[in-house]
Amino acid sequence: MAIVFFTLLTFGSFRSLRNRAYELFLLSHIVMVALYLACCWLHWAKFSYWVYVSPASAVAKGTWH
């Protein structure tokens, strides 16, 4: 399931979509990343620590607005 959300993220990143509907692009990426991380966490329970580290590092770097 995680790969499905990652694929949707990839196709949703096309410049034409971003330029026409940036708010939709941003919202869909936030939702898809959350679902992707949840699926990865459920799939790889013994490696679940990185699911917490990835968003924490993004917030620490100030990449989330």
PDB file of N, CA and C in Angstrom:
ATOM      1  N   MET A   1       0.811  -1.186   0.000  1.00  0.00           N
ATOM      2  CA  MET A   1       0.000   0.000   0.000  1.00  0.00           C
ATOM      3  C   MET A   1       0.860   1.258   0.000  1.00  0.00           C
ATOM      4  N   ALA A   2       1.980   1.232   0.695  1.00  0.00           N
ATOM      5  CA  ALA A   2       2.833   2.424   0.771  1.00  0.00           C
ATOM      6  C   ALA A   2       3.308   2.848  -0.608  1.00  0.00           C
ATOM      7  N   ILE A   3       3.621   1.877  -1.452  1.00  0.00           N
ATOM      8  CA  ILE A   3       4.106   2.213  -2.790  1.00  0.00           C
ATOM      9  C   ILE A   3       3.025   2.898  -3.619  1.00  0.00           C
ATOM     10  N   VAL A   4       1.767   2.581  -3.362  1.00  0.00           N
ATOM     11  CA  VAL A   4       0.664   3.245  -4.066  1.00  0.00           C
ATOM     12  C   VAL A   4       0.643   4.726  -3.708  1.00  0.00           C
ATOM     13  N   PHE A   5       0.767   5.045  -2.431  1.00  0.00           N
ATOM     14  CA  PHE A   5       0.769   6.445  -2.014  1.00  0.00           C
ATOM     15  C   PHE A   5       2.004   7.173  -2.530  1.00  0.00           C
ATOM     16  N   PHE A   6       3.140   6.481  -2.570  1.00  0.00           N
ATOM     17  CA  PHE A   6       4.356   7.097  -3.083  1.00  0.00           C
ATOM     18  C   PHE A   6       4.220   7.382  -4.581  1.00  0.00           C
ATOM     19  N   THR A   7       3.600   6.455  -5.309  1.00  0.00           N
ATOM     20  CA  THR A   7       3.366   6.661  -6.736  1.00  0.00           C
ATOM     21  C   THR A   7       2.423   7.834  -6.971  1.00  0.00           C
ATOM     22  N   LEU A   8       1.372   7.933  -6.168  1.00  0.00           N
ATOM     23  CA  LEU A   8       0.462   9.075  -6.284  1.00  0.00           C
ATOM     24  C   LEU A   8       1.180  10.387  -5.991  1.00  0.00           C
ATOM     25  N   LEU A   9       2.097  10.369  -5.040  1.00  0.00           N
ATOM     26  CA  LEU A   9       2.898  11.560  -4.763  1.00  0.00           C
ATOM     27  C   LEU A   9       3.732  11.953  -5.977  1.00  0.00           C
ATOM     28  N   THR A  10       4.302  10.958  -6.626  1.00  0.00           N
ATOM     29  CA  THR A  10       5.134  11.230  -7.798  1.00  0.00           C
ATOM     30  C   THR A  10       4.319  11.845  -8.920  1.00  0.00           C
ATOM     31  N   PHE A  11       3.184  11.253  -9.236  1.00  0.00           N
ATOM     32  CA  PHE A  11       2.357  11.777 -10.317  1.00  0.00           C
ATOM     33  C   PHE A  11       1.714  13.105  -9.937  1.00  0.00           C
ATOM     34  N   GLY A  12       1.484  13.313  -8.670  1.00  0.00           N
ATOM     35  CA  GLY A  12       0.907  14.568  -8.221  1.00  0.00           C
ATOM     36  C   GLY A  12       1.902  15.709  -8.165  1.00  0.00           C
ATOM     37  N   SER A  13       3.156  15.425  -8.461  1.00  0.00           N
ATOM     38  CA  SER A  13       4.195  16.450  -8.393  1.00  0.00           C
ATOM     39  C   SER A  13       4.484  17.108  -9.737  1.00  0.00           C
ATOM     40  N   PHE A  14       3.757  16.748 -10.745  1.00  0.00           N
ATOM     41  CA  PHE A  14       3.998  17.349 -12.054  1.00  0.00           C
ATOM     42  C   PHE A  14       3.808  18.859 -11.976  1.00  0.00           C
ATOM     43  N   ARG A  15       4.675  19.572 -12.650  1.00  0.00           N
ATOM     44  CA  ARG A  15       4.671  21.031 -12.607  1.00  0.00           C
ATOM     45  C   ARG A  15       3.337  21.622 -13.045  1.00  0.00           C
ATOM     46  N   SER A  16       2.699  21.013 -14.041  1.00  0.00           N
ATOM     47  CA  SER A  16       1.421  21.552 -14.525  1.00  0.00           C
ATOM     48  C   SER A  16       0.353  21.520 -13.431  1.00  0.00           C
ATOM     49  N   LEU A  17       0.322  20.461 -12.643  1.00  0.00           N
ATOM     50  CA  LEU A  17      -0.640  20.382 -11.544  1.00  0.00           C
ATOM     51  C   LEU A  17      -0.304  21.394 -10.450  1.00  0.00           C
ATOM     52  N   ARG A  18       0.982  21.480 -10.124  1.00  0.00           N
ATOM     53  CA  ARG A  18       1.402  22.445  -9.094  1.00  0.00           C
ATOM     54  C   ARG A  18       1.056  23.868  -9.492  1.00  0.00           C
ATOM     55  N   ASN A  19       1.281  24.200 -10.743  1.00  0.00           N
ATOM     56  CA  ASN A  19       1.019  25.574 -11.192  1.00  0.00           C
ATOM     57  C   ASN A  19      -0.468  25.901 -11.240  1.00  0.00           C
ATOM     58  N   ARG A  20      -1.301  24.925 -11.576  1.00  0.00           N
ATOM     59  CA  ARG A  20      -2.742  25.182 -11.694  1.00  0.00           C
ATOM     60  C   ARG A  20      -3.467  25.154 -10.366  1.00  0.00           C
ATOM     61  N   ALA A  21      -3.072  24.256  -9.505  1.00  0.00           N
ATOM     62  CA  ALA A  21      -3.804  24.074  -8.248  1.00  0.00           C
ATOM     63  C   ALA A  21      -2.819  23.793  -7.121  1.00  0.00           C
ATOM     64  N   TYR A  22      -2.095  24.819  -6.705  1.00  0.00           N
ATOM     65  CA  TYR A  22      -1.059  24.621  -5.691  1.00  0.00           C
ATOM     66  C   TYR A  22      -1.634  24.159  -4.356  1.00  0.00           C
ATOM     67  N   GLU A  23      -2.779  24.710  -3.963  1.00  0.00           N
ATOM     68  CA  GLU A  23      -3.378  24.330  -2.679  1.00  0.00           C
ATOM     69  C   GLU A  23      -3.748  22.848  -2.681  1.00  0.00           C
ATOM     70  N   LEU A  24      -4.283  22.374  -3.801  1.00  0.00           N
ATOM     71  CA  LEU A  24      -4.605  20.944  -3.929  1.00  0.00           C
ATOM     72  C   LEU A  24      -3.327  20.109  -3.885  1.00  0.00           C
ATOM     73  N   PHE A  25      -2.309  20.570  -4.572  1.00  0.00           N
ATOM     74  CA  PHE A  25      -1.016  19.888  -4.561  1.00  0.00           C
ATOM     75  C   PHE A  25      -0.488  19.764  -3.130  1.00  0.00           C
ATOM     76  N   LEU A  26      -0.492  20.866  -2.407  1.00  0.00           N
ATOM     77  CA  LEU A  26       0.041  20.879  -1.050  1.00  0.00           C
ATOM     78  C   LEU A  26      -0.766  19.976  -0.117  1.00  0.00           C
ATOM     79  N   LEU A  27      -2.072  20.113  -0.150  1.00  0.00           N
ATOM     80  CA  LEU A  27      -2.925  19.290   0.708  1.00  0.00           C
ATOM     81  C   LEU A  27      -2.791  17.807   0.379  1.00  0.00           C
ATOM     82  N   SER A  28      -2.769  17.482  -0.911  1.00  0.00           N
ATOM     83  CA  SER A  28      -2.649  16.068  -1.293  1.00  0.00           C
ATOM     84  C   SER A  28      -1.308  15.500  -0.854  1.00  0.00           C
ATOM     85  N   HIS A  29      -0.248  16.305  -0.911  1.00  0.00           N
ATOM     86  CA  HIS A  29       1.049  15.805  -0.474  1.00  0.00           C
ATOM     87  C   HIS A  29       1.104  15.591   1.034  1.00  0.00           C
ATOM     88  N   ILE A  30       0.495  16.460   1.781  1.00  0.00           N
ATOM     89  CA  ILE A  30       0.471  16.279   3.235  1.00  0.00           C
ATOM     90  C   ILE A  30      -0.278  14.997   3.596  1.00  0.00           C
ATOM     91  N   VAL A  31      -1.427  14.790   2.971  1.00  0.00           N
ATOM     92  CA  VAL A  31      -2.233  13.594   3.246  1.00  0.00           C
ATOM     93  C   VAL A  31      -1.511  12.333   2.765  1.00  0.00           C
ATOM     94  N   MET A  32      -0.968  12.370   1.551  1.00  0.00           N
ATOM     95  CA  MET A  32      -0.308  11.182   0.996  1.00  0.00           C
ATOM     96  C   MET A  32       0.947  10.809   1.782  1.00  0.00           C
ATOM     97  N   VAL A  33       1.710  11.792   2.228  1.00  0.00           N
ATOM     98  CA  VAL A  33       2.910  11.494   3.024  1.00  0.00           C
ATOM     99  C   VAL A  33       2.513  10.867   4.355  1.00  0.00           C
ATOM    100  N   ALA A  34       1.458  11.382   4.975  1.00  0.00           N
ATOM    101  CA  ALA A  34       0.992  10.790   6.229  1.00  0.00           C
ATOM    102  C   ALA A  34       0.551   9.346   6.020  1.00  0.00           C
ATOM    103  N   LEU A  35      -0.179   9.092   4.955  1.00  0.00           N
ATOM    104  CA  LEU A  35      -0.621   7.729   4.665  1.00  0.00           C
ATOM    105  C   LEU A  35       0.564   6.828   4.304  1.00  0.00           C
ATOM    106  N   TYR A  36       1.508   7.358   3.548  1.00  0.00           N
ATOM    107  CA  TYR A  36       2.706   6.606   3.190  1.00  0.00           C
ATOM    108  C   TYR A  36       3.482   6.194   4.443  1.00  0.00           C
ATOM    109  N   LEU A  37       3.707   7.158   5.335  1.00  0.00           N
ATOM    110  CA  LEU A  37       4.440   6.844   6.565  1.00  0.00           C
ATOM    111  C   LEU A  37       3.682   5.850   7.439  1.00  0.00           C
ATOM    112  N   ALA A  38       2.361   5.977   7.497  1.00  0.00           N
ATOM    113  CA  ALA A  38       1.563   5.025   8.285  1.00  0.00           C
ATOM    114  C   ALA A  38       1.672   3.618   7.712  1.00  0.00           C
ATOM    115  N   CYS A  39       1.602   3.500   6.397  1.00  0.00           N
ATOM    116  CA  CYS A  39       1.713   2.173   5.775  1.00  0.00           C
ATOM    117  C   CYS A  39       3.103   1.586   5.970  1.00  0.00           C
ATOM    118  N   CYS A  40       4.132   2.426   5.845  1.00  0.00           N
ATOM    119  CA  CYS A  40       5.498   1.940   6.086  1.00  0.00           C
ATOM    120  C   CYS A  40       5.659   1.488   7.523  1.00  0.00           C
ATOM    121  N   TRP A  41       5.114   2.250   8.450  1.00  0.00           N
ATOM    122  CA  TRP A  41       5.226   1.901   9.859  1.00  0.00           C
ATOM    123  C   TRP A  41       4.542   0.570  10.143  1.00  0.00           C
ATOM    124  N   LEU A  42       3.373   0.363   9.557  1.00  0.00           N
ATOM    125  CA  LEU A  42       2.665  -0.903   9.756  1.00  0.00           C
ATOM    126  C   LEU A  42       3.386  -2.066   9.090  1.00  0.00           C
ATOM    127  N   HIS A  43       4.020  -1.800   7.972  1.00  0.00           N
ATOM    128  CA  HIS A  43       4.688  -2.867   7.230  1.00  0.00           C
ATOM    129  C   HIS A  43       6.015  -3.258   7.863  1.00  0.00           C
ATOM    130  N   TRP A  44       6.770  -2.278   8.307  1.00  0.00           N
ATOM    131  CA  TRP A  44       8.085  -2.531   8.882  1.00  0.00           C
ATOM    132  C   TRP A  44       8.107  -2.110  10.338  1.00  0.00           C
ATOM    133  N   ALA A  45       7.408  -2.818  11.157  1.00  0.00           N
ATOM    134  CA  ALA A  45       7.278  -2.438  12.572  1.00  0.00           C
ATOM    135  C   ALA A  45       8.628  -2.359  13.280  1.00  0.00           C
ATOM    136  N   LYS A  46       9.570  -3.228  12.930  1.00  0.00           N
ATOM    137  CA  LYS A  46      10.845  -3.189  13.636  1.00  0.00           C
ATOM    138  C   LYS A  46      11.707  -1.989  13.228  1.00  0.00           C
ATOM    139  N   PHE A  47      11.373  -1.332  12.117  1.00  0.00           N
ATOM    140  CA  PHE A  47      12.083  -0.127  11.689  1.00  0.00           C
ATOM    141  C   PHE A  47      11.229   1.120  11.877  1.00  0.00           C
ATOM    142  N   SER A  48      10.271   1.060  12.769  1.00  0.00           N
ATOM    143  CA  SER A  48       9.314   2.154  12.921  1.00  0.00           C
ATOM    144  C   SER A  48       9.944   3.442  13.440  1.00  0.00           C
ATOM    145  N   TYR A  49      11.136   3.368  14.012  1.00  0.00           N
ATOM    146  CA  TYR A  49      11.754   4.575  14.558  1.00  0.00           C
ATOM    147  C   TYR A  49      11.953   5.652  13.494  1.00  0.00           C
ATOM    148  N   TRP A  50      12.238   5.275  12.241  1.00  0.00           N
ATOM    149  CA  TRP A  50      12.485   6.284  11.209  1.00  0.00           C
ATOM    150  C   TRP A  50      11.210   7.014  10.808  1.00  0.00           C
ATOM    151  N   VAL A  51      10.040   6.410  11.076  1.00  0.00           N
ATOM    152  CA  VAL A  51       8.783   7.088  10.777  1.00  0.00           C
ATOM    153  C   VAL A  51       8.641   8.318  11.668  1.00  0.00           C
ATOM    154  N   TYR A  52       9.214   8.268  12.853  1.00  0.00           N
ATOM    155  CA  TYR A  52       9.180   9.424  13.747  1.00  0.00           C
ATOM    156  C   TYR A  52      10.318  10.397  13.444  1.00  0.00           C
ATOM    157  N   VAL A  53      11.443   9.871  13.031  1.00  0.00           N
ATOM    158  CA  VAL A  53      12.613  10.705  12.785  1.00  0.00           C
ATOM    159  C   VAL A  53      12.426  11.561  11.530  1.00  0.00           C
ATOM    160  N   SER A  54      11.851  11.019  10.485  1.00  0.00           N
ATOM    161  CA  SER A  54      11.698  11.755   9.230  1.00  0.00           C
ATOM    162  C   SER A  54      10.865  13.024   9.389  1.00  0.00           C
ATOM    163  N   PRO A  55       9.629  12.947   9.902  1.00  0.00           N
ATOM    164  CA  PRO A  55       8.866  14.190  10.080  1.00  0.00           C
ATOM    165  C   PRO A  55       9.512  15.134  11.090  1.00  0.00           C
ATOM    166  N   ALA A  56      10.129  14.579  12.127  1.00  0.00           N
ATOM    167  CA  ALA A  56      10.768  15.429  13.130  1.00  0.00           C
ATOM    168  C   ALA A  56      11.918  16.216  12.515  1.00  0.00           C
ATOM    169  N   SER A  57      12.687  15.581  11.650  1.00  0.00           N
ATOM    170  CA  SER A  57      13.798  16.298  11.017  1.00  0.00           C
ATOM    171  C   SER A  57      13.284  17.343  10.040  1.00  0.00           C
ATOM    172  N   ALA A  58      12.168  17.067   9.356  1.00  0.00           N
ATOM    173  CA  ALA A  58      11.588  18.057   8.444  1.00  0.00           C
ATOM    174  C   ALA A  58      11.105  19.277   9.217  1.00  0.00           C
ATOM    175  N   VAL A  59      10.470  19.055  10.348  1.00  0.00           N
ATOM    176  CA  VAL A  59       9.996  20.168  11.178  1.00  0.00           C
ATOM    177  C   VAL A  59      11.177  20.942  11.749  1.00  0.00           C
ATOM    178  N   ALA A  60      12.212  20.218  12.169  1.00  0.00           N
ATOM    179  CA  ALA A  60      13.378  20.878  12.746  1.00  0.00           C
ATOM    180  C   ALA A  60      14.091  21.747  11.719  1.00  0.00           C
ATOM    181  N   LYS A  61      14.090  21.315  10.470  1.00  0.00           N
ATOM    182  CA  LYS A  61      14.732  22.103   9.417  1.00  0.00           C
ATOM    183  C   LYS A  61      13.847  23.261   8.954  1.00  0.00           C
ATOM    184  N   GLY A  62      12.594  23.245   9.365  1.00  0.00           N
ATOM    185  CA  GLY A  62      11.692  24.329   8.965  1.00  0.00           C
ATOM    186  C   GLY A  62      11.137  24.172   7.572  1.00  0.00           C
ATOM    187  N   THR A  63      11.074  22.942   7.063  1.00  0.00           N
ATOM    188  CA  THR A  63      10.580  22.729   5.702  1.00  0.00           C
ATOM    189  C   THR A  63       9.070  22.665   5.642  1.00  0.00           C
ATOM    190  N   TRP A  64       8.422  22.522   6.774  1.00  0.00           N
ATOM    191  CA  TRP A  64       6.952  22.513   6.788  1.00  0.00           C
ATOM    192  C   TRP A  64       6.486  23.914   7.124  1.00  0.00           C
ATOM    193  N   HIS A  65       5.487  24.378   6.435  1.00  0.00           N
ATOM    194  CA  HIS A  65       5.009  25.750   6.643  1.00  0.00           C
ATOM    195  C   HIS A  65       3.743  25.745   7.457  1.00  0.00           C
TER     196      HIS A  65
END
